N, C-alpha and C. Protein backbone atom coordinates (compact mmCIF):
# COMPACT_ATOMS: atom_id res chain seq x y z
N PHE A 1 -11.44 2.93 7.47
CA PHE A 1 -11.91 1.42 7.45
C PHE A 1 -12.04 1.07 9.03
N PHE A 2 -10.97 1.15 9.78
CA PHE A 2 -11.16 0.87 11.44
C PHE A 2 -12.12 1.56 12.36
N ARG A 3 -12.48 2.71 11.84
CA ARG A 3 -13.65 3.46 12.45
C ARG A 3 -15.05 2.73 12.19
N ALA A 4 -15.19 2.43 10.83
CA ALA A 4 -16.47 1.74 10.38
C ALA A 4 -16.54 0.39 10.85
N VAL A 5 -15.52 -0.30 10.85
CA VAL A 5 -15.68 -1.73 11.18
C VAL A 5 -14.25 -2.13 11.88
N GLN A 6 -14.33 -2.88 12.92
CA GLN A 6 -13.08 -3.37 13.52
C GLN A 6 -13.00 -4.71 13.53
N PRO A 7 -12.53 -5.36 12.23
CA PRO A 7 -12.41 -6.83 12.06
C PRO A 7 -11.51 -7.51 13.06
N ASP A 8 -11.71 -8.75 13.32
CA ASP A 8 -10.72 -9.31 14.28
C ASP A 8 -9.09 -9.39 13.69
N VAL A 9 -9.24 -9.61 12.26
CA VAL A 9 -7.95 -9.69 11.63
C VAL A 9 -8.31 -8.92 10.31
N VAL A 10 -7.39 -8.49 9.86
CA VAL A 10 -7.37 -8.08 8.10
C VAL A 10 -6.20 -8.55 7.53
N PHE A 11 -6.44 -8.94 6.40
CA PHE A 11 -5.34 -9.63 5.60
C PHE A 11 -4.87 -8.37 4.50
N VAL A 12 -3.55 -8.19 4.40
CA VAL A 12 -3.14 -7.05 3.46
C VAL A 12 -1.90 -7.56 2.85
N PRO A 13 -1.85 -7.25 1.61
CA PRO A 13 -0.99 -7.82 0.65
C PRO A 13 0.43 -6.89 0.60
N ILE A 14 1.64 -7.79 0.78
CA ILE A 14 2.72 -7.00 0.88
C ILE A 14 3.62 -6.82 -0.70
N GLY A 15 3.76 -5.74 -1.31
CA GLY A 15 4.47 -5.40 -2.37
C GLY A 15 5.96 -4.96 -1.78
N GLN A 16 6.10 -3.31 -1.65
CA GLN A 16 7.12 -3.00 -1.03
C GLN A 16 6.92 -2.43 0.30
N GLY A 17 5.69 -2.46 0.72
CA GLY A 17 5.35 -2.38 2.26
C GLY A 17 4.51 -1.10 2.71
N SER A 18 4.39 -0.25 1.46
CA SER A 18 3.70 0.93 1.95
C SER A 18 2.30 0.56 2.45
N GLY A 19 1.47 -0.39 1.69
CA GLY A 19 0.10 -0.29 1.91
C GLY A 19 0.00 -1.07 3.26
N ILE A 20 0.69 -1.86 3.85
CA ILE A 20 0.54 -2.50 5.03
C ILE A 20 0.88 -1.76 6.32
N CYS A 21 2.09 -0.72 5.81
CA CYS A 21 2.44 0.03 6.90
C CYS A 21 1.45 1.20 7.17
N ALA A 22 0.71 1.50 6.10
CA ALA A 22 -0.44 2.38 6.23
C ALA A 22 -1.53 1.90 7.01
N CYS A 23 -1.85 0.41 6.66
CA CYS A 23 -2.83 -0.26 7.39
C CYS A 23 -2.57 0.00 8.92
N ALA A 24 -1.22 -0.42 9.32
CA ALA A 24 -0.74 -0.20 10.53
C ALA A 24 -1.02 1.02 11.27
N MET A 25 -0.80 2.16 10.50
CA MET A 25 -0.88 3.52 11.05
C MET A 25 -2.39 3.93 11.29
N ALA A 26 -3.32 3.36 10.41
CA ALA A 26 -4.53 3.53 10.33
C ALA A 26 -5.20 2.64 11.87
N ARG A 27 -4.68 1.71 11.84
CA ARG A 27 -5.22 0.86 13.20
C ARG A 27 -4.87 1.62 14.28
N THR A 28 -3.65 2.13 14.33
CA THR A 28 -2.88 2.84 15.62
C THR A 28 -3.85 4.02 15.72
N ILE A 29 -3.97 4.90 14.62
CA ILE A 29 -4.84 6.19 14.73
C ILE A 29 -6.41 5.93 15.22
N SER A 30 -6.99 5.02 14.88
CA SER A 30 -8.17 4.68 15.25
C SER A 30 -8.33 3.73 16.53
N ALA A 31 -7.29 3.35 17.24
CA ALA A 31 -7.24 2.68 18.34
C ALA A 31 -7.98 1.16 18.26
N ALA A 32 -7.88 0.59 17.02
CA ALA A 32 -8.45 -0.62 16.98
C ALA A 32 -7.65 -1.82 17.47
N SER A 33 -8.32 -2.71 17.82
CA SER A 33 -7.32 -4.13 18.23
C SER A 33 -7.29 -5.02 17.09
N SER A 34 -7.72 -4.83 15.90
CA SER A 34 -7.50 -5.95 14.81
C SER A 34 -6.14 -6.32 14.64
N ARG A 35 -6.03 -7.60 14.52
CA ARG A 35 -4.55 -8.13 14.13
C ARG A 35 -4.55 -7.97 12.71
N ILE A 36 -3.21 -7.81 12.09
CA ILE A 36 -2.83 -7.50 10.80
C ILE A 36 -2.22 -8.66 10.23
N VAL A 37 -2.46 -9.37 9.21
CA VAL A 37 -1.71 -10.36 8.73
C VAL A 37 -1.30 -9.81 7.16
N GLY A 38 0.10 -9.87 7.14
CA GLY A 38 0.65 -9.59 5.81
C GLY A 38 0.49 -10.92 4.85
N VAL A 39 0.47 -10.45 3.40
CA VAL A 39 0.17 -11.57 2.53
C VAL A 39 1.33 -11.28 1.33
N VAL A 40 2.15 -12.46 1.41
CA VAL A 40 3.19 -12.34 0.32
C VAL A 40 2.95 -13.52 -0.87
N SER A 41 3.54 -13.46 -1.98
CA SER A 41 3.23 -14.66 -2.78
C SER A 41 4.43 -15.60 -2.47
N ALA A 42 4.01 -16.86 -2.60
CA ALA A 42 4.88 -17.93 -2.24
C ALA A 42 5.89 -18.01 -3.39
N HIS A 43 5.77 -17.14 -4.33
CA HIS A 43 7.04 -17.15 -5.46
C HIS A 43 7.51 -16.00 -5.41
N ALA A 44 7.40 -15.04 -4.31
CA ALA A 44 8.17 -14.23 -3.77
C ALA A 44 8.27 -13.86 -2.52
N THR A 45 9.17 -14.45 -1.58
CA THR A 45 8.83 -14.49 -0.29
C THR A 45 9.98 -13.77 0.49
N ALA A 46 10.45 -12.57 0.06
CA ALA A 46 11.43 -11.78 0.76
C ALA A 46 10.80 -11.19 2.03
N TYR A 47 9.57 -10.86 2.08
CA TYR A 47 9.17 -10.18 3.21
C TYR A 47 8.91 -11.24 4.14
N LEU A 48 8.28 -12.21 3.82
CA LEU A 48 8.11 -13.66 4.82
C LEU A 48 9.27 -13.96 5.39
N ASP A 49 10.36 -14.20 4.55
CA ASP A 49 11.72 -14.61 5.02
C ASP A 49 12.21 -13.52 5.80
N SER A 50 12.15 -12.43 5.64
CA SER A 50 12.77 -11.21 6.48
C SER A 50 12.07 -10.99 7.83
N PHE A 51 10.60 -11.09 7.72
CA PHE A 51 9.79 -11.26 8.99
C PHE A 51 10.44 -12.14 9.87
N ARG A 52 10.49 -13.43 9.17
CA ARG A 52 11.09 -14.53 10.18
C ARG A 52 12.39 -14.40 10.87
N ALA A 53 13.40 -13.82 9.77
CA ALA A 53 14.70 -13.78 10.28
C ALA A 53 14.91 -12.58 10.88
N GLY A 54 14.02 -11.57 11.09
CA GLY A 54 14.32 -10.36 11.82
C GLY A 54 15.25 -9.56 11.14
N ARG A 55 15.47 -9.74 9.85
CA ARG A 55 16.55 -8.62 9.24
C ARG A 55 16.02 -8.86 7.78
N VAL A 56 16.60 -7.87 6.88
CA VAL A 56 16.29 -8.05 5.39
C VAL A 56 16.90 -9.11 4.75
N VAL A 57 16.19 -10.00 4.00
CA VAL A 57 16.64 -11.11 3.40
C VAL A 57 16.33 -11.01 1.99
N GLU A 58 17.13 -11.06 1.08
CA GLU A 58 16.79 -11.08 -0.45
C GLU A 58 16.26 -12.55 -0.68
N ALA A 59 15.46 -12.40 -1.70
CA ALA A 59 14.70 -13.75 -2.16
C ALA A 59 14.23 -13.86 -3.67
N PRO A 60 14.40 -14.77 -4.39
CA PRO A 60 14.17 -14.79 -6.02
C PRO A 60 12.64 -14.70 -6.03
N VAL A 61 12.40 -14.20 -7.24
CA VAL A 61 10.96 -14.03 -7.51
C VAL A 61 10.37 -14.84 -8.72
N THR A 62 9.40 -15.56 -8.66
CA THR A 62 9.13 -16.35 -9.82
C THR A 62 7.43 -16.30 -10.11
N THR A 63 6.84 -15.35 -9.32
CA THR A 63 5.37 -15.31 -9.43
C THR A 63 5.08 -14.90 -11.09
N GLN A 64 4.07 -15.58 -11.41
CA GLN A 64 3.53 -15.22 -12.83
C GLN A 64 2.36 -14.34 -12.88
N LEU A 65 1.75 -14.37 -11.78
CA LEU A 65 0.39 -13.68 -11.62
C LEU A 65 0.31 -12.64 -10.55
N ALA A 66 1.13 -12.68 -9.34
CA ALA A 66 0.87 -11.57 -8.42
C ALA A 66 2.29 -10.68 -8.44
N ASP A 67 2.33 -9.97 -9.64
CA ASP A 67 3.57 -9.18 -9.88
C ASP A 67 3.44 -7.91 -9.00
N GLY A 68 2.57 -7.52 -8.28
CA GLY A 68 2.64 -6.35 -7.58
C GLY A 68 3.22 -6.83 -6.07
N MET A 69 3.35 -8.09 -5.85
CA MET A 69 4.13 -8.47 -4.80
C MET A 69 5.35 -9.20 -5.08
N ALA A 70 6.15 -8.77 -6.37
CA ALA A 70 7.21 -9.48 -6.60
C ALA A 70 8.40 -8.72 -6.18
N CYS A 71 8.71 -8.69 -4.91
CA CYS A 71 9.74 -8.09 -4.36
C CYS A 71 10.90 -8.86 -4.00
N ARG A 72 11.98 -8.81 -4.28
CA ARG A 72 13.22 -9.37 -4.37
C ARG A 72 13.93 -8.97 -2.97
N LEU A 73 13.85 -7.56 -2.60
CA LEU A 73 14.63 -7.01 -1.68
C LEU A 73 13.71 -6.14 -0.58
N PRO A 74 13.47 -6.49 0.56
CA PRO A 74 12.52 -5.74 1.34
C PRO A 74 13.06 -4.33 1.68
N ASP A 75 12.33 -3.21 1.91
CA ASP A 75 12.55 -1.95 2.30
C ASP A 75 12.84 -1.93 3.81
N ALA A 76 14.04 -1.71 4.33
CA ALA A 76 14.27 -1.94 5.80
C ALA A 76 13.31 -1.14 6.56
N GLU A 77 13.14 0.03 6.34
CA GLU A 77 12.07 0.97 7.19
C GLU A 77 10.90 0.20 7.16
N ALA A 78 10.18 -0.34 6.06
CA ALA A 78 8.92 -0.83 5.99
C ALA A 78 9.06 -2.26 6.96
N LEU A 79 10.15 -2.88 6.94
CA LEU A 79 10.14 -4.16 7.38
C LEU A 79 10.22 -3.91 8.98
N ASP A 80 10.85 -2.92 9.34
CA ASP A 80 10.70 -2.59 10.92
C ASP A 80 9.41 -2.25 11.20
N VAL A 81 8.63 -1.52 10.55
CA VAL A 81 7.27 -1.29 10.89
C VAL A 81 6.48 -2.56 10.95
N ILE A 82 6.64 -3.53 9.87
CA ILE A 82 6.00 -4.82 9.92
C ILE A 82 6.37 -5.73 11.01
N ARG A 83 7.57 -5.80 11.15
CA ARG A 83 7.87 -6.37 12.45
C ARG A 83 7.40 -5.88 13.86
N ARG A 84 7.31 -4.85 13.81
CA ARG A 84 6.80 -4.21 15.06
C ARG A 84 4.96 -4.16 15.08
N GLU A 85 4.55 -4.16 13.92
CA GLU A 85 3.02 -3.90 13.97
C GLU A 85 2.44 -5.05 13.50
N VAL A 86 2.77 -5.96 12.77
CA VAL A 86 1.94 -7.09 11.97
C VAL A 86 2.23 -8.20 12.73
N ASP A 87 1.04 -8.93 12.88
CA ASP A 87 1.03 -10.15 13.90
C ASP A 87 1.58 -11.29 13.08
N ASP A 88 1.41 -11.34 11.82
CA ASP A 88 1.87 -12.71 11.01
C ASP A 88 1.97 -11.94 9.54
N VAL A 89 2.84 -12.91 9.00
CA VAL A 89 3.01 -12.80 7.40
C VAL A 89 2.74 -14.26 6.88
N ILE A 90 2.06 -14.35 5.80
CA ILE A 90 1.57 -15.91 5.15
C ILE A 90 2.11 -15.55 3.75
N ALA A 91 2.07 -16.88 3.04
CA ALA A 91 2.44 -16.84 1.37
C ALA A 91 1.03 -17.58 0.96
N VAL A 92 0.72 -16.99 -0.28
CA VAL A 92 -0.28 -17.59 -1.06
C VAL A 92 0.31 -17.87 -2.42
N THR A 93 -0.25 -19.03 -2.96
CA THR A 93 0.35 -19.42 -4.44
C THR A 93 -0.27 -18.63 -5.40
N ASP A 94 0.28 -18.65 -6.60
CA ASP A 94 -0.36 -18.13 -7.93
C ASP A 94 -1.82 -18.83 -8.02
N ASP A 95 -1.88 -20.17 -7.86
CA ASP A 95 -3.32 -20.85 -7.85
C ASP A 95 -4.09 -20.35 -7.02
N GLU A 96 -3.94 -19.98 -5.83
CA GLU A 96 -4.68 -19.38 -4.77
C GLU A 96 -5.22 -18.17 -5.22
N VAL A 97 -4.33 -17.22 -5.66
CA VAL A 97 -4.63 -16.05 -5.94
C VAL A 97 -5.39 -16.22 -7.34
N ALA A 98 -5.15 -16.83 -8.26
CA ALA A 98 -5.96 -17.17 -9.42
C ALA A 98 -7.59 -17.37 -8.94
N ALA A 99 -7.72 -18.28 -7.88
CA ALA A 99 -8.98 -18.58 -7.33
C ALA A 99 -9.74 -17.50 -6.75
N ALA A 100 -8.97 -16.47 -6.04
CA ALA A 100 -9.46 -15.54 -5.50
C ALA A 100 -9.89 -14.39 -6.63
N MET A 101 -9.20 -14.37 -7.71
CA MET A 101 -9.49 -13.58 -8.74
C MET A 101 -10.98 -13.81 -9.45
N ARG A 102 -11.03 -15.19 -9.57
CA ARG A 102 -12.16 -15.85 -10.00
C ARG A 102 -13.22 -15.50 -9.19
N LEU A 103 -13.23 -15.67 -7.81
CA LEU A 103 -14.33 -15.47 -6.92
C LEU A 103 -14.80 -14.09 -6.98
N LEU A 104 -13.80 -13.22 -6.76
CA LEU A 104 -14.26 -11.69 -6.95
C LEU A 104 -15.03 -11.33 -8.00
N TYR A 105 -14.50 -11.91 -9.16
CA TYR A 105 -15.16 -11.34 -10.37
C TYR A 105 -16.54 -12.05 -10.51
N THR A 106 -16.54 -13.41 -10.02
CA THR A 106 -18.07 -14.05 -10.11
C THR A 106 -19.06 -13.64 -9.18
N ALA A 107 -18.45 -13.20 -7.94
CA ALA A 107 -19.47 -12.98 -6.80
C ALA A 107 -19.70 -11.40 -6.68
N THR A 108 -18.62 -10.75 -7.08
CA THR A 108 -18.93 -9.01 -6.99
C THR A 108 -18.88 -8.37 -8.54
N HIS A 109 -18.49 -8.97 -9.46
CA HIS A 109 -18.13 -8.40 -10.87
C HIS A 109 -17.11 -7.44 -10.51
N ASN A 110 -16.04 -7.41 -9.65
CA ASN A 110 -14.90 -6.71 -9.42
C ASN A 110 -13.83 -7.27 -10.11
N VAL A 111 -12.77 -6.67 -10.55
CA VAL A 111 -11.80 -6.99 -11.37
C VAL A 111 -10.43 -6.79 -10.45
N ALA A 112 -9.84 -7.73 -10.22
CA ALA A 112 -8.44 -7.48 -9.30
C ALA A 112 -7.18 -8.12 -9.82
N GLU A 113 -6.07 -7.22 -9.82
CA GLU A 113 -4.91 -8.05 -10.29
C GLU A 113 -4.58 -8.92 -9.18
N GLY A 114 -3.54 -9.69 -9.62
CA GLY A 114 -3.22 -10.73 -8.76
C GLY A 114 -2.75 -10.26 -7.38
N ALA A 115 -1.99 -9.25 -7.15
CA ALA A 115 -1.74 -8.53 -5.67
C ALA A 115 -2.88 -8.11 -5.05
N GLY A 116 -3.89 -7.58 -5.81
CA GLY A 116 -4.90 -6.96 -5.36
C GLY A 116 -6.07 -8.01 -4.84
N ALA A 117 -5.89 -9.29 -5.19
CA ALA A 117 -6.79 -10.41 -4.94
C ALA A 117 -6.08 -11.12 -3.68
N ALA A 118 -4.91 -11.03 -3.44
CA ALA A 118 -4.02 -11.80 -2.55
C ALA A 118 -4.65 -11.98 -1.27
N SER A 119 -5.12 -10.78 -0.64
CA SER A 119 -5.68 -10.82 0.57
C SER A 119 -6.92 -11.76 0.70
N LEU A 120 -7.62 -11.74 -0.14
CA LEU A 120 -8.86 -12.76 -0.22
C LEU A 120 -8.34 -14.24 -0.31
N ALA A 121 -7.39 -14.50 -1.26
CA ALA A 121 -6.60 -15.67 -1.31
C ALA A 121 -6.19 -16.20 0.20
N ALA A 122 -5.55 -15.26 0.83
CA ALA A 122 -5.07 -15.57 2.25
C ALA A 122 -6.21 -15.97 3.11
N ALA A 123 -7.21 -15.18 3.18
CA ALA A 123 -8.49 -15.48 3.90
C ALA A 123 -9.01 -16.89 3.46
N MET A 124 -9.18 -16.98 2.40
CA MET A 124 -9.58 -18.31 1.98
C MET A 124 -8.84 -19.49 2.33
N GLN A 125 -7.57 -19.31 2.25
CA GLN A 125 -6.52 -20.30 2.53
C GLN A 125 -6.79 -20.54 4.23
N GLN A 126 -6.95 -19.45 5.01
CA GLN A 126 -6.91 -19.62 6.46
C GLN A 126 -8.49 -19.51 6.95
N ARG A 127 -9.60 -20.03 6.29
CA ARG A 127 -10.96 -19.58 6.63
C ARG A 127 -11.12 -20.56 7.95
N GLU A 128 -10.64 -21.64 8.11
CA GLU A 128 -11.05 -22.47 9.32
C GLU A 128 -10.25 -21.70 10.60
N ARG A 129 -9.13 -21.25 10.40
CA ARG A 129 -8.59 -20.61 11.63
C ARG A 129 -9.42 -19.45 12.07
N TRP A 130 -9.93 -18.70 10.99
CA TRP A 130 -10.93 -17.42 11.48
C TRP A 130 -12.34 -17.56 11.37
N ARG A 131 -12.88 -18.94 11.30
CA ARG A 131 -14.08 -19.25 11.24
C ARG A 131 -14.89 -18.38 12.47
N GLY A 132 -16.13 -17.75 12.16
CA GLY A 132 -16.89 -17.27 13.11
C GLY A 132 -16.41 -15.94 13.47
N GLN A 133 -15.34 -15.39 13.10
CA GLN A 133 -14.81 -13.98 13.26
C GLN A 133 -14.80 -13.04 12.15
N CYS A 134 -14.72 -11.83 12.61
CA CYS A 134 -14.89 -10.80 11.50
C CYS A 134 -13.50 -10.74 10.56
N VAL A 135 -13.58 -10.95 9.47
CA VAL A 135 -12.15 -10.87 8.62
C VAL A 135 -12.45 -9.90 7.77
N GLY A 136 -11.22 -8.90 7.53
CA GLY A 136 -11.31 -7.85 6.61
C GLY A 136 -10.28 -8.21 5.53
N VAL A 137 -10.66 -7.88 4.46
CA VAL A 137 -9.60 -8.22 3.23
C VAL A 137 -9.58 -6.74 2.42
N THR A 138 -8.34 -6.74 1.70
CA THR A 138 -8.29 -5.50 0.89
C THR A 138 -8.57 -5.97 -0.49
N LEU A 139 -9.20 -5.33 -1.22
CA LEU A 139 -9.33 -5.32 -2.76
C LEU A 139 -8.65 -4.09 -3.37
N CYS A 140 -7.49 -4.35 -4.05
CA CYS A 140 -6.77 -3.11 -4.39
C CYS A 140 -6.23 -3.65 -5.71
N GLY A 141 -6.09 -2.64 -6.64
CA GLY A 141 -5.33 -2.90 -7.83
C GLY A 141 -6.18 -3.66 -8.80
N GLY A 142 -6.58 -3.01 -9.90
CA GLY A 142 -7.18 -3.61 -11.10
C GLY A 142 -6.32 -3.43 -12.36
N ASN A 143 -5.24 -3.45 -12.01
CA ASN A 143 -4.19 -3.22 -13.40
C ASN A 143 -3.86 -4.63 -13.95
N VAL A 144 -4.51 -5.50 -14.30
CA VAL A 144 -4.15 -6.96 -14.98
C VAL A 144 -4.62 -6.84 -16.38
N ASP A 145 -3.57 -7.50 -17.09
CA ASP A 145 -3.52 -7.60 -18.44
C ASP A 145 -5.08 -8.40 -18.90
N ARG A 146 -5.51 -7.87 -19.91
CA ARG A 146 -6.92 -8.51 -20.56
C ARG A 146 -6.65 -9.75 -20.86
N ASP A 147 -5.67 -10.26 -21.63
CA ASP A 147 -5.41 -11.69 -21.93
C ASP A 147 -5.27 -12.42 -20.64
N LEU A 148 -4.46 -12.04 -19.75
CA LEU A 148 -4.13 -12.65 -18.43
C LEU A 148 -5.48 -12.91 -17.61
N LEU A 149 -6.09 -11.99 -17.58
CA LEU A 149 -7.63 -12.00 -16.83
C LEU A 149 -8.31 -13.13 -17.48
N ALA A 150 -8.47 -13.09 -18.77
CA ALA A 150 -9.10 -14.15 -19.57
C ALA A 150 -8.82 -15.59 -19.30
N ARG A 151 -7.43 -15.84 -19.08
CA ARG A 151 -6.86 -16.87 -18.90
C ARG A 151 -7.20 -17.41 -17.39
N VAL A 152 -7.14 -16.57 -16.44
CA VAL A 152 -7.40 -16.65 -14.97
C VAL A 152 -8.75 -16.96 -14.93
N LEU A 153 -9.80 -16.25 -15.72
CA LEU A 153 -11.19 -16.58 -15.45
C LEU A 153 -11.61 -17.85 -16.09
N ALA A 154 -10.91 -18.43 -16.95
CA ALA A 154 -11.24 -19.65 -17.78
C ALA A 154 -10.87 -20.58 -17.08
N GLY A 155 -10.02 -20.38 -16.11
CA GLY A 155 -9.46 -21.28 -15.10
C GLY A 155 -9.05 -22.66 -15.43
């Protein structure tokens, strides 16, 4: 990814931390200067709270849509990497994730589970901040229940 395109910022969903840690490693290996912004569910803020506190913080999980980001207790090693390599962590709501899922399906005919669409939700949330810059988002995970997807698409 970073050898083909070097976005100014890349948004990466955080579940248990492996994906964002891999993104940080890929950036390092390719010597890219892209900023990395982690994305959590506003209904599962353990990594956001931990990033800000500088230590592992447990948090409740109430997300109904982004279950791939439904982390109650961050992994300490992943948190260390995130705190060292990631520029920011932000939260998106289930409504924002649903809007991103709908946009992905409508515009590209790709299906993404809630966590898989979270990075697009974050980019949409912060579009004014990054206007005019190259923005990267991850599209991952198509493991969404058919009935749930139908409800999301019906909006």
